[in-house]
Amino acid sequence: MGKQNLSEDMLLLEGLKVSSQSSIPTFTFLLLLYIFAMVSNISLVVLILRSRSLHQPMYLLFCNMSINDIFGATIVTPHVLRYIFTPHSQRFIHYIDCAVQAFCLHLYAGATHTVLMIMAFDRYVAICNPMRYASIMTNQMVVKLSVGAWMAALVLVAILVGLSVRLSRCRSVIFNPFCDNASLFKLSCESVLINNIYGLGYTVVLLGSSVGSVTLTYLKIAAVCVSSKNKVLNSRALQTCATHLAVYVFLLASAFIIVILHRFPQLSDHRKVVSVLCGVALPALNAVIYGLQMKEIKQRIIALCSNSKVTQKK
């Protein structure tokens, strides 16, 4: 009976198909990328929290995004690294751990979209209603919007994964390097019509509201910049919006690439590699974009480096 329960609670992960010759280079590359993502995002969070001059809505939202990126990178990368040197036949994971990982993964993806929507709204108010910006985007409002963004993603994802967990299981193999919602409900031989309907609705609501709000926001910002002859305003708008837009475009591009690769089963190995890279590369890329594009953050980093050099000389 114990062996039967154990086998029912254990799943086999297909994982990345890495040859013995490329195991070490793959492990080293992913590890360095993960370390860079963690160090850069943690440094950005600490810098913003410690610098009173950066306690502004825009930078607090950047801090929120970096915390989400730390969360997202930690969900996937250590798990993938753990199994690179493990034989395929021994890549086991408990079902409950798989469900938790799927929940966290979708929460990260959902929160990424909702937080980026808030950031777009922040840029809209700053550029289109600059006189009212201080009264609208207070720190309290940023906290409320951030909590709302995370709670909305939390509720939607809880229902998404909950519908999959309720199903009985007749399979025990996850054809992926990590667990996601699709991997969970594919373990069942029951009808997954409800899962597909809700999953489609979830995707339409999340992506539709995300793409729609960001597109509408930037169209209004573009209209203001075109009608305005204030070069300083246009330059500042271009600088701050370019950062947000670059992050958003990279996010959508990576998601669409993975979706397209899903349509080609013969490219499943390529899809796995892309999904793993996106899980660790996007958080690293986001920190670089925020840190290097924002003038105030660059100035603060330069000031900290200068102070450290002076301290070392003394």
C-alpha atoms as a PDB file:
ATOM      1  CA  MET A   1       0.000   0.000   0.000  1.00  0.00           C
ATOM      2  CA  GLY A   2       2.851   2.383   0.838  1.00  0.00           C
ATOM      3  CA  LYS A   3       4.539   1.701  -2.479  1.00  0.00           C
ATOM      4  CA  GLN A   4       1.291   2.286  -4.328  1.00  0.00           C
ATOM      5  CA  ASN A   5       0.723   5.646  -2.605  1.00  0.00           C
ATOM      6  CA  LEU A   6       4.304   6.634  -3.284  1.00  0.00           C
ATOM      7  CA  SER A   7       4.014   5.844  -6.998  1.00  0.00           C
ATOM      8  CA  GLU A   8       0.719   7.752  -7.236  1.00  0.00           C
ATOM      9  CA  ASP A   9       2.237  10.833  -5.589  1.00  0.00           C
ATOM     10  CA  MET A  10       5.400  10.856  -7.715  1.00  0.00           C
ATOM     11  CA  LEU A  11       5.676  12.237 -11.238  1.00  0.00           C
ATOM     12  CA  LEU A  12       8.451  11.847 -13.774  1.00  0.00           C
ATOM     13  CA  LEU A  13       9.764  15.020 -15.409  1.00  0.00           C
ATOM     14  CA  GLU A  14      10.992  14.728 -18.975  1.00  0.00           C
ATOM     15  CA  GLY A  15      13.243  17.757 -18.465  1.00  0.00           C
ATOM     16  CA  LEU A  16      15.821  19.144 -20.866  1.00  0.00           C
ATOM     17  CA  LYS A  17      17.520  16.682 -23.163  1.00  0.00           C
ATOM     18  CA  VAL A  18      21.150  17.580 -22.533  1.00  0.00           C
ATOM     19  CA  SER A  19      24.007  15.351 -23.653  1.00  0.00           C
ATOM     20  CA  SER A  20      26.765  14.431 -21.220  1.00  0.00           C
ATOM     21  CA  GLN A  21      29.217  16.620 -23.169  1.00  0.00           C
ATOM     22  CA  SER A  22      27.041  19.718 -22.917  1.00  0.00           C
ATOM     23  CA  SER A  23      25.811  19.204 -19.348  1.00  0.00           C
ATOM     24  CA  ILE A  24      28.554  21.259 -17.694  1.00  0.00           C
ATOM     25  CA  PRO A  25      28.413  24.196 -20.181  1.00  0.00           C
ATOM     26  CA  THR A  26      24.602  24.272 -19.944  1.00  0.00           C
ATOM     27  CA  PHE A  27      24.668  24.157 -16.152  1.00  0.00           C
ATOM     28  CA  THR A  28      27.342  26.869 -15.968  1.00  0.00           C
ATOM     29  CA  PHE A  29      25.534  29.175 -18.399  1.00  0.00           C
ATOM     30  CA  LEU A  30      22.169  28.882 -16.640  1.00  0.00           C
ATOM     31  CA  LEU A  31      23.767  29.250 -13.211  1.00  0.00           C
ATOM     32  CA  LEU A  32      25.654  32.416 -14.173  1.00  0.00           C
ATOM     33  CA  LEU A  33      22.542  33.859 -15.806  1.00  0.00           C
ATOM     34  CA  TYR A  34      20.512  33.067 -12.692  1.00  0.00           C
ATOM     35  CA  ILE A  35      23.111  34.603 -10.375  1.00  0.00           C
ATOM     36  CA  PHE A  36      23.218  37.739 -12.532  1.00  0.00           C
ATOM     37  CA  ALA A  37      19.408  38.002 -12.515  1.00  0.00           C
ATOM     38  CA  MET A  38      19.235  37.604  -8.750  1.00  0.00           C
ATOM     39  CA  VAL A  39      22.106  39.963  -7.930  1.00  0.00           C
ATOM     40  CA  SER A  40      20.940  42.691 -10.336  1.00  0.00           C
ATOM     41  CA  ASN A  41      17.296  42.570  -9.216  1.00  0.00           C
ATOM     42  CA  ILE A  42      18.111  42.354  -5.504  1.00  0.00           C
ATOM     43  CA  SER A  43      20.561  45.253  -5.901  1.00  0.00           C
ATOM     44  CA  LEU A  44      17.903  47.298  -7.676  1.00  0.00           C
ATOM     45  CA  VAL A  45      15.368  46.623  -4.903  1.00  0.00           C
ATOM     46  CA  VAL A  46      17.863  47.504  -2.159  1.00  0.00           C
ATOM     47  CA  LEU A  47      18.962  50.646  -4.010  1.00  0.00           C
ATOM     48  CA  ILE A  48      15.397  51.918  -4.399  1.00  0.00           C
ATOM     49  CA  LEU A  49      14.396  51.096  -0.828  1.00  0.00           C
ATOM     50  CA  ARG A  50      17.515  52.703   0.677  1.00  0.00           C
ATOM     51  CA  SER A  51      17.482  55.879  -1.441  1.00  0.00           C
ATOM     52  CA  ARG A  52      14.848  58.319  -0.223  1.00  0.00           C
ATOM     53  CA  SER A  53      15.138  60.247  -3.492  1.00  0.00           C
ATOM     54  CA  LEU A  54      13.858  57.161  -5.305  1.00  0.00           C
ATOM     55  CA  HIS A  55      10.788  56.749  -3.103  1.00  0.00           C
ATOM     56  CA  GLN A  56       8.566  57.837  -5.957  1.00  0.00           C
ATOM     57  CA  PRO A  57       5.672  55.923  -7.579  1.00  0.00           C
ATOM     58  CA  MET A  58       7.595  55.056 -10.747  1.00  0.00           C
ATOM     59  CA  TYR A  59      10.573  53.584  -8.875  1.00  0.00           C
ATOM     60  CA  LEU A  60       8.381  51.801  -6.337  1.00  0.00           C
ATOM     61  CA  LEU A  61       6.677  50.097  -9.274  1.00  0.00           C
ATOM     62  CA  PHE A  62      10.109  49.168 -10.652  1.00  0.00           C
ATOM     63  CA  CYS A  63      10.858  47.697  -7.223  1.00  0.00           C
ATOM     64  CA  ASN A  64       7.604  45.735  -7.391  1.00  0.00           C
ATOM     65  CA  MET A  65       8.574  44.386 -10.811  1.00  0.00           C
ATOM     66  CA  SER A  66      12.040  43.366  -9.619  1.00  0.00           C
ATOM     67  CA  ILE A  67      10.571  41.481  -6.653  1.00  0.00           C
ATOM     68  CA  ASN A  68       8.306  39.635  -9.072  1.00  0.00           C
ATOM     69  CA  ASP A  69      11.301  38.847 -11.312  1.00  0.00           C
ATOM     70  CA  ILE A  70      13.222  37.437  -8.334  1.00  0.00           C
ATOM     71  CA  PHE A  71      10.204  35.279  -7.553  1.00  0.00           C
ATOM     72  CA  GLY A  72       9.861  34.128 -11.170  1.00  0.00           C
ATOM     73  CA  ALA A  73      13.523  33.263 -11.698  1.00  0.00           C
ATOM     74  CA  THR A  74      13.623  31.262  -8.472  1.00  0.00           C
ATOM     75  CA  ILE A  75      10.598  29.170  -9.449  1.00  0.00           C
ATOM     76  CA  VAL A  76      12.187  27.664 -12.547  1.00  0.00           C
ATOM     77  CA  THR A  77      15.971  27.924 -12.671  1.00  0.00           C
ATOM     78  CA  PRO A  78      17.145  26.111  -9.489  1.00  0.00           C
ATOM     79  CA  HIS A  79      14.719  23.312 -10.314  1.00  0.00           C
ATOM     80  CA  VAL A  80      16.088  22.947 -13.871  1.00  0.00           C
ATOM     81  CA  LEU A  81      19.707  23.114 -12.653  1.00  0.00           C
ATOM     82  CA  ARG A  82      19.008  20.372 -10.135  1.00  0.00           C
ATOM     83  CA  TYR A  83      17.966  17.903 -12.834  1.00  0.00           C
ATOM     84  CA  ILE A  84      20.628  18.589 -15.474  1.00  0.00           C
ATOM     85  CA  PHE A  85      22.968  15.967 -13.999  1.00  0.00           C
ATOM     86  CA  THR A  86      20.152  13.641 -12.952  1.00  0.00           C
ATOM     87  CA  PRO A  87      19.411  10.637 -15.230  1.00  0.00           C
ATOM     88  CA  HIS A  88      16.107  10.962 -17.104  1.00  0.00           C
ATOM     89  CA  SER A  89      14.653   7.942 -15.338  1.00  0.00           C
ATOM     90  CA  GLN A  90      15.271   9.529 -11.908  1.00  0.00           C
ATOM     91  CA  ARG A  91      13.820  12.999 -12.422  1.00  0.00           C
ATOM     92  CA  PHE A  92      10.968  12.620  -9.957  1.00  0.00           C
ATOM     93  CA  ILE A  93       8.831  15.299  -8.351  1.00  0.00           C
ATOM     94  CA  HIS A  94       6.004  15.018  -5.838  1.00  0.00           C
ATOM     95  CA  TYR A  95       2.597  15.859  -7.248  1.00  0.00           C
ATOM     96  CA  ILE A  96       1.991  18.515  -4.582  1.00  0.00           C
ATOM     97  CA  ASP A  97       5.357  20.126  -5.391  1.00  0.00           C
ATOM     98  CA  CYS A  98       4.435  20.093  -9.070  1.00  0.00           C
ATOM     99  CA  ALA A  99       1.083  21.773  -8.342  1.00  0.00           C
ATOM    100  CA  VAL A 100       2.759  24.435  -6.184  1.00  0.00           C
ATOM    101  CA  GLN A 101       5.341  25.115  -8.887  1.00  0.00           C
ATOM    102  CA  ALA A 102       2.611  25.442 -11.531  1.00  0.00           C
ATOM    103  CA  PHE A 103       0.682  27.849  -9.294  1.00  0.00           C
ATOM    104  CA  CYS A 104       3.776  29.990  -8.612  1.00  0.00           C
ATOM    105  CA  LEU A 105       4.771  30.008 -12.282  1.00  0.00           C
ATOM    106  CA  HIS A 106       1.371  31.252 -13.453  1.00  0.00           C
ATOM    107  CA  LEU A 107       1.189  33.725 -10.557  1.00  0.00           C
ATOM    108  CA  TYR A 108       4.516  35.190 -11.683  1.00  0.00           C
ATOM    109  CA  ALA A 109       3.339  35.449 -15.297  1.00  0.00           C
ATOM    110  CA  GLY A 110      -0.019  36.947 -14.306  1.00  0.00           C
ATOM    111  CA  ALA A 111       1.517  39.448 -11.884  1.00  0.00           C
ATOM    112  CA  THR A 112       4.006  40.497 -14.573  1.00  0.00           C
ATOM    113  CA  HIS A 113       1.148  41.575 -16.830  1.00  0.00           C
ATOM    114  CA  THR A 114      -0.892  43.272 -14.100  1.00  0.00           C
ATOM    115  CA  VAL A 115       2.109  45.183 -12.722  1.00  0.00           C
ATOM    116  CA  LEU A 116       3.075  46.320 -16.238  1.00  0.00           C
ATOM    117  CA  MET A 117      -0.497  47.574 -16.684  1.00  0.00           C
ATOM    118  CA  ILE A 118      -0.127  49.702 -13.548  1.00  0.00           C
ATOM    119  CA  MET A 119       3.212  51.016 -14.799  1.00  0.00           C
ATOM    120  CA  ALA A 120       1.555  52.020 -18.067  1.00  0.00           C
ATOM    121  CA  PHE A 121      -1.159  53.860 -16.119  1.00  0.00           C
ATOM    122  CA  ASP A 122       1.530  55.623 -14.072  1.00  0.00           C
ATOM    123  CA  ARG A 123       3.251  56.843 -17.244  1.00  0.00           C
ATOM    124  CA  TYR A 124      -0.095  57.964 -18.684  1.00  0.00           C
ATOM    125  CA  VAL A 125      -0.895  60.105 -15.635  1.00  0.00           C
ATOM    126  CA  ALA A 126       2.642  61.533 -15.479  1.00  0.00           C
ATOM    127  CA  ILE A 127       2.667  62.617 -19.123  1.00  0.00           C
ATOM    128  CA  CYS A 128      -0.978  63.342 -19.919  1.00  0.00           C
ATOM    129  CA  ASN A 129      -1.957  64.847 -16.531  1.00  0.00           C
ATOM    130  CA  PRO A 130       1.311  66.134 -15.038  1.00  0.00           C
ATOM    131  CA  MET A 131      -0.394  68.756 -12.853  1.00  0.00           C
ATOM    132  CA  ARG A 132      -2.498  66.088 -11.125  1.00  0.00           C
ATOM    133  CA  TYR A 133       0.179  63.390 -10.981  1.00  0.00           C
ATOM    134  CA  ALA A 134       1.246  64.077  -7.371  1.00  0.00           C
ATOM    135  CA  SER A 135      -2.349  63.981  -6.129  1.00  0.00           C
ATOM    136  CA  ILE A 136      -3.305  60.844  -8.073  1.00  0.00           C
ATOM    137  CA  MET A 137      -0.188  58.650  -7.872  1.00  0.00           C
ATOM    138  CA  THR A 138       0.562  58.882  -4.171  1.00  0.00           C
ATOM    139  CA  ASN A 139       2.577  56.188  -2.425  1.00  0.00           C
ATOM    140  CA  GLN A 140      -0.647  54.934  -0.854  1.00  0.00           C
ATOM    141  CA  MET A 141      -2.211  54.637  -4.302  1.00  0.00           C
ATOM    142  CA  VAL A 142       0.825  52.705  -5.548  1.00  0.00           C
ATOM    143  CA  VAL A 143       0.473  50.265  -2.640  1.00  0.00           C
ATOM    144  CA  LYS A 144      -3.250  49.810  -3.338  1.00  0.00           C
ATOM    145  CA  LEU A 145      -2.672  49.268  -7.058  1.00  0.00           C
ATOM    146  CA  SER A 146       0.184  46.834  -6.400  1.00  0.00           C
ATOM    147  CA  VAL A 147      -1.880  44.803  -3.920  1.00  0.00           C
ATOM    148  CA  GLY A 148      -4.759  44.820  -6.406  1.00  0.00           C
ATOM    149  CA  ALA A 149      -2.463  43.609  -9.203  1.00  0.00           C
ATOM    150  CA  TRP A 150      -1.135  40.707  -7.132  1.00  0.00           C
ATOM    151  CA  MET A 151      -4.566  39.778  -5.742  1.00  0.00           C
ATOM    152  CA  ALA A 152      -6.174  39.755  -9.194  1.00  0.00           C
ATOM    153  CA  ALA A 153      -3.444  37.450 -10.491  1.00  0.00           C
ATOM    154  CA  LEU A 154      -3.669  35.317  -7.330  1.00  0.00           C
ATOM    155  CA  VAL A 155      -7.427  34.720  -7.640  1.00  0.00           C
ATOM    156  CA  LEU A 156      -7.336  34.002 -11.379  1.00  0.00           C
ATOM    157  CA  VAL A 157      -4.427  31.575 -11.058  1.00  0.00           C
ATOM    158  CA  ALA A 158      -5.894  29.850  -7.988  1.00  0.00           C
ATOM    159  CA  ILE A 159      -9.009  28.988 -10.003  1.00  0.00           C
ATOM    160  CA  LEU A 160      -6.899  27.969 -13.024  1.00  0.00           C
ATOM    161  CA  VAL A 161      -4.716  25.521 -11.092  1.00  0.00           C
ATOM    162  CA  GLY A 162      -7.563  24.453  -8.791  1.00  0.00           C
ATOM    163  CA  LEU A 163      -9.542  23.183 -11.772  1.00  0.00           C
ATOM    164  CA  SER A 164      -6.585  20.985 -12.737  1.00  0.00           C
ATOM    165  CA  VAL A 165      -5.843  19.692  -9.244  1.00  0.00           C
ATOM    166  CA  ARG A 166      -9.442  18.469  -8.851  1.00  0.00           C
ATOM    167  CA  LEU A 167      -8.980  15.960 -11.705  1.00  0.00           C
ATOM    168  CA  SER A 168      -8.022  12.336 -11.130  1.00  0.00           C
ATOM    169  CA  ARG A 169      -4.726  11.169 -12.634  1.00  0.00           C
ATOM    170  CA  CYS A 170      -4.057   8.281 -15.010  1.00  0.00           C
ATOM    171  CA  ARG A 171      -0.605   9.403 -16.193  1.00  0.00           C
ATOM    172  CA  SER A 172       2.607  10.222 -14.337  1.00  0.00           C
ATOM    173  CA  VAL A 173       4.913  11.866 -16.895  1.00  0.00           C
ATOM    174  CA  ILE A 174       5.380  15.647 -17.242  1.00  0.00           C
ATOM    175  CA  PHE A 175       6.585  16.407 -20.776  1.00  0.00           C
ATOM    176  CA  ASN A 176       8.234  19.646 -19.723  1.00  0.00           C
ATOM    177  CA  PRO A 177      11.344  20.849 -17.835  1.00  0.00           C
ATOM    178  CA  PHE A 178       9.025  22.174 -15.096  1.00  0.00           C
ATOM    179  CA  CYS A 179       5.375  21.994 -14.075  1.00  0.00           C
ATOM    180  CA  ASP A 180       2.683  24.286 -15.443  1.00  0.00           C
ATOM    181  CA  ASN A 181      -1.096  24.137 -15.588  1.00  0.00           C
ATOM    182  CA  ALA A 182      -1.211  22.346 -18.946  1.00  0.00           C
ATOM    183  CA  SER A 183       1.129  19.669 -17.581  1.00  0.00           C
ATOM    184  CA  LEU A 184      -1.215  19.108 -14.635  1.00  0.00           C
ATOM    185  CA  PHE A 185      -4.468  18.596 -16.493  1.00  0.00           C
ATOM    186  CA  LYS A 186      -2.766  16.464 -19.171  1.00  0.00           C
ATOM    187  CA  LEU A 187      -2.137  13.897 -16.427  1.00  0.00           C
ATOM    188  CA  SER A 188      -5.863  13.164 -16.340  1.00  0.00           C
ATOM    189  CA  CYS A 189      -7.991  10.959 -18.581  1.00  0.00           C
ATOM    190  CA  GLU A 190     -11.158  12.850 -17.592  1.00  0.00           C
ATOM    191  CA  SER A 191     -12.793  15.521 -19.705  1.00  0.00           C
ATOM    192  CA  VAL A 192     -10.816  18.761 -19.493  1.00  0.00           C
ATOM    193  CA  LEU A 193     -13.410  20.864 -21.309  1.00  0.00           C
ATOM    194  CA  ILE A 194     -13.932  23.126 -18.295  1.00  0.00           C
ATOM    195  CA  ASN A 195     -10.164  23.563 -17.963  1.00  0.00           C
ATOM    196  CA  ASN A 196      -9.837  24.523 -21.623  1.00  0.00           C
ATOM    197  CA  ILE A 197     -12.767  26.955 -21.453  1.00  0.00           C
ATOM    198  CA  TYR A 198     -11.494  28.669 -18.310  1.00  0.00           C
ATOM    199  CA  GLY A 199      -7.903  28.602 -19.576  1.00  0.00           C
ATOM    200  CA  LEU A 200      -8.976  30.307 -22.798  1.00  0.00           C
ATOM    201  CA  GLY A 201     -11.034  32.844 -20.872  1.00  0.00           C
ATOM    202  CA  TYR A 202      -8.145  33.466 -18.469  1.00  0.00           C
ATOM    203  CA  THR A 203      -5.775  34.063 -21.373  1.00  0.00           C
ATOM    204  CA  VAL A 204      -8.215  36.364 -23.183  1.00  0.00           C
ATOM    205  CA  VAL A 205      -8.931  38.413 -20.052  1.00  0.00           C
ATOM    206  CA  LEU A 206      -5.292  38.703 -18.972  1.00  0.00           C
ATOM    207  CA  LEU A 207      -3.690  39.296 -22.378  1.00  0.00           C
ATOM    208  CA  GLY A 208      -6.652  41.245 -23.723  1.00  0.00           C
ATOM    209  CA  SER A 209      -6.723  43.680 -20.818  1.00  0.00           C
ATOM    210  CA  SER A 210      -2.928  43.879 -20.792  1.00  0.00           C
ATOM    211  CA  VAL A 211      -2.403  44.514 -24.504  1.00  0.00           C
ATOM    212  CA  GLY A 212      -5.510  46.689 -24.748  1.00  0.00           C
ATOM    213  CA  SER A 213      -4.652  48.953 -21.820  1.00  0.00           C
ATOM    214  CA  VAL A 214      -0.980  49.318 -22.769  1.00  0.00           C
ATOM    215  CA  THR A 215      -1.829  50.040 -26.423  1.00  0.00           C
ATOM    216  CA  LEU A 216      -4.495  52.607 -25.496  1.00  0.00           C
ATOM    217  CA  THR A 217      -2.188  54.226 -22.965  1.00  0.00           C
ATOM    218  CA  TYR A 218       0.664  54.652 -25.425  1.00  0.00           C
ATOM    219  CA  LEU A 219      -1.619  55.933 -28.156  1.00  0.00           C
ATOM    220  CA  LYS A 220      -2.793  58.688 -25.798  1.00  0.00           C
ATOM    221  CA  ILE A 221       0.790  59.401 -24.720  1.00  0.00           C
ATOM    222  CA  ALA A 222       1.861  59.582 -28.380  1.00  0.00           C
ATOM    223  CA  ALA A 223      -0.991  61.984 -29.121  1.00  0.00           C
ATOM    224  CA  VAL A 224       0.072  64.263 -26.266  1.00  0.00           C
ATOM    225  CA  CYS A 225       3.720  64.200 -27.376  1.00  0.00           C
ATOM    226  CA  VAL A 226       2.785  64.989 -30.994  1.00  0.00           C
ATOM    227  CA  SER A 227       0.551  67.908 -30.021  1.00  0.00           C
ATOM    228  CA  SER A 228       3.032  69.232 -27.475  1.00  0.00           C
ATOM    229  CA  LYS A 229       6.009  71.338 -28.541  1.00  0.00           C
ATOM    230  CA  ASN A 230       7.741  70.915 -25.204  1.00  0.00           C
ATOM    231  CA  LYS A 231      10.988  69.140 -26.056  1.00  0.00           C
ATOM    232  CA  VAL A 232      11.811  68.486 -22.409  1.00  0.00           C
ATOM    233  CA  LEU A 233       8.442  66.759 -21.877  1.00  0.00           C
ATOM    234  CA  ASN A 234       8.807  64.695 -25.035  1.00  0.00           C
ATOM    235  CA  SER A 235      12.355  63.662 -24.172  1.00  0.00           C
ATOM    236  CA  ARG A 236      11.381  62.574 -20.670  1.00  0.00           C
ATOM    237  CA  ALA A 237       8.324  60.745 -21.986  1.00  0.00           C
ATOM    238  CA  LEU A 238      10.425  58.919 -24.568  1.00  0.00           C
ATOM    239  CA  GLN A 239      13.009  57.891 -21.982  1.00  0.00           C
ATOM    240  CA  THR A 240      10.600  56.547 -19.374  1.00  0.00           C
ATOM    241  CA  CYS A 241       8.162  54.976 -21.833  1.00  0.00           C
ATOM    242  CA  ALA A 242      10.908  53.299 -23.853  1.00  0.00           C
ATOM    243  CA  THR A 243      12.009  51.393 -20.737  1.00  0.00           C
ATOM    244  CA  HIS A 244       8.515  50.129 -19.968  1.00  0.00           C
ATOM    245  CA  LEU A 245       7.710  49.380 -23.603  1.00  0.00           C
ATOM    246  CA  ALA A 246      10.950  47.419 -24.136  1.00  0.00           C
ATOM    247  CA  VAL A 247      10.173  45.170 -21.151  1.00  0.00           C
ATOM    248  CA  TYR A 248       6.609  44.659 -22.372  1.00  0.00           C
ATOM    249  CA  VAL A 249       7.642  43.842 -25.953  1.00  0.00           C
ATOM    250  CA  PHE A 250      10.225  41.285 -24.773  1.00  0.00           C
ATOM    251  CA  LEU A 251       7.590  39.681 -22.543  1.00  0.00           C
ATOM    252  CA  LEU A 252       5.037  39.368 -25.346  1.00  0.00           C
ATOM    253  CA  ALA A 253       7.623  38.200 -27.889  1.00  0.00           C
ATOM    254  CA  SER A 254       8.841  35.394 -25.616  1.00  0.00           C
ATOM    255  CA  ALA A 255       5.268  34.302 -24.864  1.00  0.00           C
ATOM    256  CA  PHE A 256       4.291  34.244 -28.554  1.00  0.00           C
ATOM    257  CA  ILE A 257       7.426  32.294 -29.493  1.00  0.00           C
ATOM    258  CA  ILE A 258       6.605  29.604 -26.925  1.00  0.00           C
ATOM    259  CA  VAL A 259       2.970  29.459 -28.085  1.00  0.00           C
ATOM    260  CA  ILE A 260       4.055  29.130 -31.724  1.00  0.00           C
ATOM    261  CA  LEU A 261       6.539  26.369 -30.872  1.00  0.00           C
ATOM    262  CA  HIS A 262       3.709  24.497 -29.129  1.00  0.00           C
ATOM    263  CA  ARG A 263       2.115  24.129 -32.571  1.00  0.00           C
ATOM    264  CA  PHE A 264       5.102  22.128 -33.809  1.00  0.00           C
ATOM    265  CA  PRO A 265       5.561  18.913 -31.770  1.00  0.00           C
ATOM    266  CA  GLN A 266       8.781  18.137 -33.630  1.00  0.00           C
ATOM    267  CA  LEU A 267      10.258  21.282 -32.087  1.00  0.00           C
ATOM    268  CA  SER A 268       9.377  20.335 -28.502  1.00  0.00           C
ATOM    269  CA  ASP A 269      13.042  20.300 -27.452  1.00  0.00           C
ATOM    270  CA  HIS A 270      13.508  23.833 -28.809  1.00  0.00           C
ATOM    271  CA  ARG A 271      10.376  24.973 -26.966  1.00  0.00           C
ATOM    272  CA  LYS A 272      11.737  23.590 -23.684  1.00  0.00           C
ATOM    273  CA  VAL A 273      15.033  25.433 -24.126  1.00  0.00           C
ATOM    274  CA  VAL A 274      13.260  28.697 -24.994  1.00  0.00           C
ATOM    275  CA  SER A 275      10.886  28.399 -22.021  1.00  0.00           C
ATOM    276  CA  VAL A 276      13.781  27.817 -19.606  1.00  0.00           C
ATOM    277  CA  LEU A 277      15.815  30.692 -21.067  1.00  0.00           C
ATOM    278  CA  CYS A 278      12.831  33.031 -20.869  1.00  0.00           C
ATOM    279  CA  GLY A 279      12.320  32.076 -17.236  1.00  0.00           C
ATOM    280  CA  VAL A 280      15.783  33.308 -16.269  1.00  0.00           C
ATOM    281  CA  ALA A 281      16.780  35.698 -19.084  1.00  0.00           C
ATOM    282  CA  LEU A 282      13.757  38.016 -18.854  1.00  0.00           C
ATOM    283  CA  PRO A 283      14.308  38.839 -15.150  1.00  0.00           C
ATOM    284  CA  ALA A 284      17.981  39.554 -15.865  1.00  0.00           C
ATOM    285  CA  LEU A 285      17.116  41.660 -18.915  1.00  0.00           C
ATOM    286  CA  ASN A 286      14.469  43.643 -17.039  1.00  0.00           C
ATOM    287  CA  ALA A 287      16.947  44.658 -14.331  1.00  0.00           C
ATOM    288  CA  VAL A 288      19.474  45.778 -16.951  1.00  0.00           C
ATOM    289  CA  ILE A 289      16.852  47.835 -18.799  1.00  0.00           C
ATOM    290  CA  TYR A 290      15.596  49.522 -15.634  1.00  0.00           C
ATOM    291  CA  GLY A 291      19.058  50.130 -14.224  1.00  0.00           C
ATOM    292  CA  LEU A 292      20.705  51.486 -17.369  1.00  0.00           C
ATOM    293  CA  GLN A 293      17.820  53.444 -18.893  1.00  0.00           C
ATOM    294  CA  MET A 294      16.624  55.418 -15.862  1.00  0.00           C
ATOM    295  CA  LYS A 295      18.767  58.505 -15.294  1.00  0.00           C
ATOM    296  CA  GLU A 296      18.119  58.747 -11.552  1.00  0.00           C
ATOM    297  CA  ILE A 297      19.040  55.104 -10.958  1.00  0.00           C
ATOM    298  CA  LYS A 298      22.229  55.434 -13.026  1.00  0.00           C
ATOM    299  CA  GLN A 299      23.218  58.527 -11.059  1.00  0.00           C
ATOM    300  CA  ARG A 300      22.600  56.748  -7.783  1.00  0.00           C
ATOM    301  CA  ILE A 301      24.653  53.714  -8.877  1.00  0.00           C
ATOM    302  CA  ILE A 302      27.532  55.976  -9.975  1.00  0.00           C
ATOM    303  CA  ALA A 303      27.370  57.842  -6.666  1.00  0.00           C
ATOM    304  CA  LEU A 304      27.492  54.603  -4.672  1.00  0.00           C
ATOM    305  CA  CYS A 305      30.444  53.328  -6.723  1.00  0.00           C
ATOM    306  CA  SER A 306      32.293  56.625  -6.237  1.00  0.00           C
ATOM    307  CA  ASN A 307      31.693  56.555  -2.487  1.00  0.00           C
ATOM    308  CA  SER A 308      32.941  52.980  -2.244  1.00  0.00           C
ATOM    309  CA  LYS A 309      36.132  53.876  -4.123  1.00  0.00           C
ATOM    310  CA  VAL A 310      36.774  56.828  -1.813  1.00  0.00           C
ATOM    311  CA  THR A 311      36.221  54.636   1.231  1.00  0.00           C
ATOM    312  CA  GLN A 312      38.683  52.034  -0.083  1.00  0.00           C
ATOM    313  CA  LYS A 313      41.357  54.671  -0.675  1.00  0.00           C
ATOM    314  CA  LYS A 314      40.990  55.947   2.873  1.00  0.00           C
END
